[in-house]
Amino acid sequence: MSDLIYKIISAAEWREAETAGVFKGAGIDIADGYIHFSTATQAAETAAKHFAGQDGLVLVAVDPAPLGADIKWEVSRGGALFPHLYRPLTMAEVAWVKPLPLSPTGQHIFPV
């Protein structure tokens, strides 16, 4: 993983976004008013904290540079800066989407 930012979401929710042509956020995103993302170093902890044991997830990768001023780096968990997108994400802005399967021990297996 690189300087991309990542969204963890259920495959079903992502299929709905693909059909709509835009991702407006999961329930927590809509409630908070922005789409939560994680950096490469934050993604595994995000998965463990918010998606523990959940199967059927995907990892959505986005280059934050073209998002301009709509992406804000804000203090969150443990005082770390997390990327938050203050508008819907278009499918054209997505670098890639890959499955985020569970290992036999219940840990998410991140793509390399």
C-alpha atoms as a PDB file:
ATOM      1  CA  MET A   1       0.000   0.000   0.000  1.00  0.00           C
ATOM      2  CA  SER A   2       1.178   3.536  -0.656  1.00  0.00           C
ATOM      3  CA  ASP A   3       0.014   7.125  -0.265  1.00  0.00           C
ATOM      4  CA  LEU A   4      -3.484   6.032  -1.134  1.00  0.00           C
ATOM      5  CA  ILE A   5      -6.236   6.302   1.456  1.00  0.00           C
ATOM      6  CA  TYR A   6      -8.649   3.482   2.183  1.00  0.00           C
ATOM      7  CA  LYS A   7     -12.311   2.891   2.943  1.00  0.00           C
ATOM      8  CA  ILE A   8     -13.469  -0.405   4.420  1.00  0.00           C
ATOM      9  CA  ILE A   9     -17.058  -1.218   3.545  1.00  0.00           C
ATOM     10  CA  SER A  10     -19.300  -4.196   2.951  1.00  0.00           C
ATOM     11  CA  ALA A  11     -19.226  -5.555  -0.561  1.00  0.00           C
ATOM     12  CA  ALA A  12     -23.013  -5.167  -0.742  1.00  0.00           C
ATOM     13  CA  GLU A  13     -22.863  -1.461   0.168  1.00  0.00           C
ATOM     14  CA  TRP A  14     -20.106  -0.947  -2.377  1.00  0.00           C
ATOM     15  CA  ARG A  15     -22.124  -2.641  -5.138  1.00  0.00           C
ATOM     16  CA  GLU A  16     -24.963  -0.198  -4.379  1.00  0.00           C
ATOM     17  CA  ALA A  17     -22.524   2.718  -4.730  1.00  0.00           C
ATOM     18  CA  GLU A  18     -21.219   1.346  -8.029  1.00  0.00           C
ATOM     19  CA  THR A  19     -24.768   1.045  -9.327  1.00  0.00           C
ATOM     20  CA  ALA A  20     -25.491   4.634  -8.258  1.00  0.00           C
ATOM     21  CA  GLY A  21     -22.179   5.862  -9.674  1.00  0.00           C
ATOM     22  CA  VAL A  22     -21.328   7.605  -6.413  1.00  0.00           C
ATOM     23  CA  PHE A  23     -20.571   6.666  -2.807  1.00  0.00           C
ATOM     24  CA  LYS A  24     -22.306   8.949  -0.345  1.00  0.00           C
ATOM     25  CA  GLY A  25     -21.020   7.083   2.698  1.00  0.00           C
ATOM     26  CA  ALA A  26     -21.980   4.306   5.058  1.00  0.00           C
ATOM     27  CA  GLY A  27     -24.297   4.976   7.991  1.00  0.00           C
ATOM     28  CA  ILE A  28     -21.519   6.311  10.244  1.00  0.00           C
ATOM     29  CA  ASP A  29     -20.274   8.586   7.453  1.00  0.00           C
ATOM     30  CA  ILE A  30     -23.698  10.042   6.817  1.00  0.00           C
ATOM     31  CA  ALA A  31     -24.245  10.589  10.548  1.00  0.00           C
ATOM     32  CA  ASP A  32     -20.864  12.330  10.925  1.00  0.00           C
ATOM     33  CA  GLY A  33     -21.184  14.425   7.761  1.00  0.00           C
ATOM     34  CA  TYR A  34     -18.100  13.077   5.992  1.00  0.00           C
ATOM     35  CA  ILE A  35     -16.678   9.843   4.613  1.00  0.00           C
ATOM     36  CA  HIS A  36     -14.166   8.221   6.963  1.00  0.00           C
ATOM     37  CA  PHE A  37     -10.928   6.989   5.396  1.00  0.00           C
ATOM     38  CA  SER A  38      -7.737   5.500   6.818  1.00  0.00           C
ATOM     39  CA  THR A  39      -4.125   5.651   5.714  1.00  0.00           C
ATOM     40  CA  ALA A  40      -2.234   2.468   4.903  1.00  0.00           C
ATOM     41  CA  THR A  41      -0.795   2.391   8.424  1.00  0.00           C
ATOM     42  CA  GLN A  42      -4.229   2.965  10.019  1.00  0.00           C
ATOM     43  CA  ALA A  43      -6.319   0.541   7.948  1.00  0.00           C
ATOM     44  CA  ALA A  44      -5.558  -2.672   9.871  1.00  0.00           C
ATOM     45  CA  GLU A  45      -6.401  -1.030  13.205  1.00  0.00           C
ATOM     46  CA  THR A  46      -9.592   0.410  11.714  1.00  0.00           C
ATOM     47  CA  ALA A  47     -10.576  -3.058  10.501  1.00  0.00           C
ATOM     48  CA  ALA A  48      -9.881  -4.611  13.907  1.00  0.00           C
ATOM     49  CA  LYS A  49     -11.699  -1.877  15.833  1.00  0.00           C
ATOM     50  CA  HIS A  50     -14.769  -1.350  13.663  1.00  0.00           C
ATOM     51  CA  PHE A  51     -15.090  -4.515  11.553  1.00  0.00           C
ATOM     52  CA  ALA A  52     -13.781  -7.297  13.816  1.00  0.00           C
ATOM     53  CA  GLY A  53     -14.818 -10.717  12.514  1.00  0.00           C
ATOM     54  CA  GLN A  54     -16.878  -9.281   9.647  1.00  0.00           C
ATOM     55  CA  ASP A  55     -16.628 -11.096   6.354  1.00  0.00           C
ATOM     56  CA  GLY A  56     -17.822  -9.835   2.973  1.00  0.00           C
ATOM     57  CA  LEU A  57     -15.861  -6.581   3.105  1.00  0.00           C
ATOM     58  CA  VAL A  58     -13.920  -4.733   0.440  1.00  0.00           C
ATOM     59  CA  LEU A  59     -11.040  -2.300   0.643  1.00  0.00           C
ATOM     60  CA  VAL A  60     -11.531   0.773  -1.530  1.00  0.00           C
ATOM     61  CA  ALA A  61      -8.364   2.695  -2.454  1.00  0.00           C
ATOM     62  CA  VAL A  62      -8.395   6.383  -3.381  1.00  0.00           C
ATOM     63  CA  ASP A  63      -5.639   8.846  -4.278  1.00  0.00           C
ATOM     64  CA  PRO A  64      -6.311  11.828  -1.996  1.00  0.00           C
ATOM     65  CA  ALA A  65      -4.434  14.390  -4.135  1.00  0.00           C
ATOM     66  CA  PRO A  66      -7.203  14.990  -6.722  1.00  0.00           C
ATOM     67  CA  LEU A  67      -9.787  15.402  -3.951  1.00  0.00           C
ATOM     68  CA  GLY A  68      -8.319  18.816  -3.178  1.00  0.00           C
ATOM     69  CA  ALA A  69      -9.824  20.863  -0.378  1.00  0.00           C
ATOM     70  CA  ASP A  70     -12.682  18.375   0.072  1.00  0.00           C
ATOM     71  CA  ILE A  71     -10.325  16.022   1.942  1.00  0.00           C
ATOM     72  CA  LYS A  72      -9.410  17.189   5.435  1.00  0.00           C
ATOM     73  CA  TRP A  73      -6.877  15.552   7.744  1.00  0.00           C
ATOM     74  CA  GLU A  74      -8.391  15.675  11.205  1.00  0.00           C
ATOM     75  CA  VAL A  75      -7.417  14.400  14.638  1.00  0.00           C
ATOM     76  CA  SER A  76      -9.201  11.196  15.557  1.00  0.00           C
ATOM     77  CA  ARG A  77      -8.312   7.913  17.266  1.00  0.00           C
ATOM     78  CA  GLY A  78      -5.257   8.270  19.487  1.00  0.00           C
ATOM     79  CA  GLY A  79      -4.599  11.803  18.299  1.00  0.00           C
ATOM     80  CA  ALA A  80      -3.652  10.605  14.797  1.00  0.00           C
ATOM     81  CA  LEU A  81      -4.671  12.517  11.685  1.00  0.00           C
ATOM     82  CA  PHE A  82      -7.275  10.687   9.624  1.00  0.00           C
ATOM     83  CA  PRO A  83      -8.494  11.653   6.143  1.00  0.00           C
ATOM     84  CA  HIS A  84     -12.150  12.700   5.956  1.00  0.00           C
ATOM     85  CA  LEU A  85     -13.912  13.459   2.671  1.00  0.00           C
ATOM     86  CA  TYR A  86     -16.583  16.160   2.890  1.00  0.00           C
ATOM     87  CA  ARG A  87     -18.520  15.222  -0.232  1.00  0.00           C
ATOM     88  CA  PRO A  88     -19.600  12.085  -2.109  1.00  0.00           C
ATOM     89  CA  LEU A  89     -16.922   9.984  -3.791  1.00  0.00           C
ATOM     90  CA  THR A  90     -17.335   9.351  -7.510  1.00  0.00           C
ATOM     91  CA  MET A  91     -16.393   6.016  -9.049  1.00  0.00           C
ATOM     92  CA  ALA A  92     -13.877   7.814 -11.307  1.00  0.00           C
ATOM     93  CA  GLU A  93     -11.925   8.795  -8.158  1.00  0.00           C
ATOM     94  CA  VAL A  94     -11.470   5.180  -7.039  1.00  0.00           C
ATOM     95  CA  ALA A  95      -8.029   3.688  -7.750  1.00  0.00           C
ATOM     96  CA  TRP A  96      -9.091   0.096  -7.030  1.00  0.00           C
ATOM     97  CA  VAL A  97     -11.372  -2.124  -4.968  1.00  0.00           C
ATOM     98  CA  LYS A  98     -10.202  -5.468  -3.571  1.00  0.00           C
ATOM     99  CA  PRO A  99     -11.751  -8.080  -1.280  1.00  0.00           C
ATOM    100  CA  LEU A 100     -10.823  -7.918   2.409  1.00  0.00           C
ATOM    101  CA  PRO A 101     -11.211 -11.555   3.454  1.00  0.00           C
ATOM    102  CA  LEU A 102     -10.821 -13.044   6.904  1.00  0.00           C
ATOM    103  CA  SER A 103      -7.991 -15.396   7.811  1.00  0.00           C
ATOM    104  CA  PRO A 104      -8.789 -18.658   9.624  1.00  0.00           C
ATOM    105  CA  THR A 105      -7.978 -16.814  12.868  1.00  0.00           C
ATOM    106  CA  GLY A 106     -10.479 -14.035  12.117  1.00  0.00           C
ATOM    107  CA  GLN A 107      -7.995 -11.303  11.120  1.00  0.00           C
ATOM    108  CA  HIS A 108      -8.548  -9.356   7.903  1.00  0.00           C
ATOM    109  CA  ILE A 109      -6.073 -10.148   5.141  1.00  0.00           C
ATOM    110  CA  PHE A 110      -5.001  -6.940   3.430  1.00  0.00           C
ATOM    111  CA  PRO A 111      -3.895  -6.966  -0.220  1.00  0.00           C
ATOM    112  CA  VAL A 112      -0.222  -6.298  -0.870  1.00  0.00           C
END
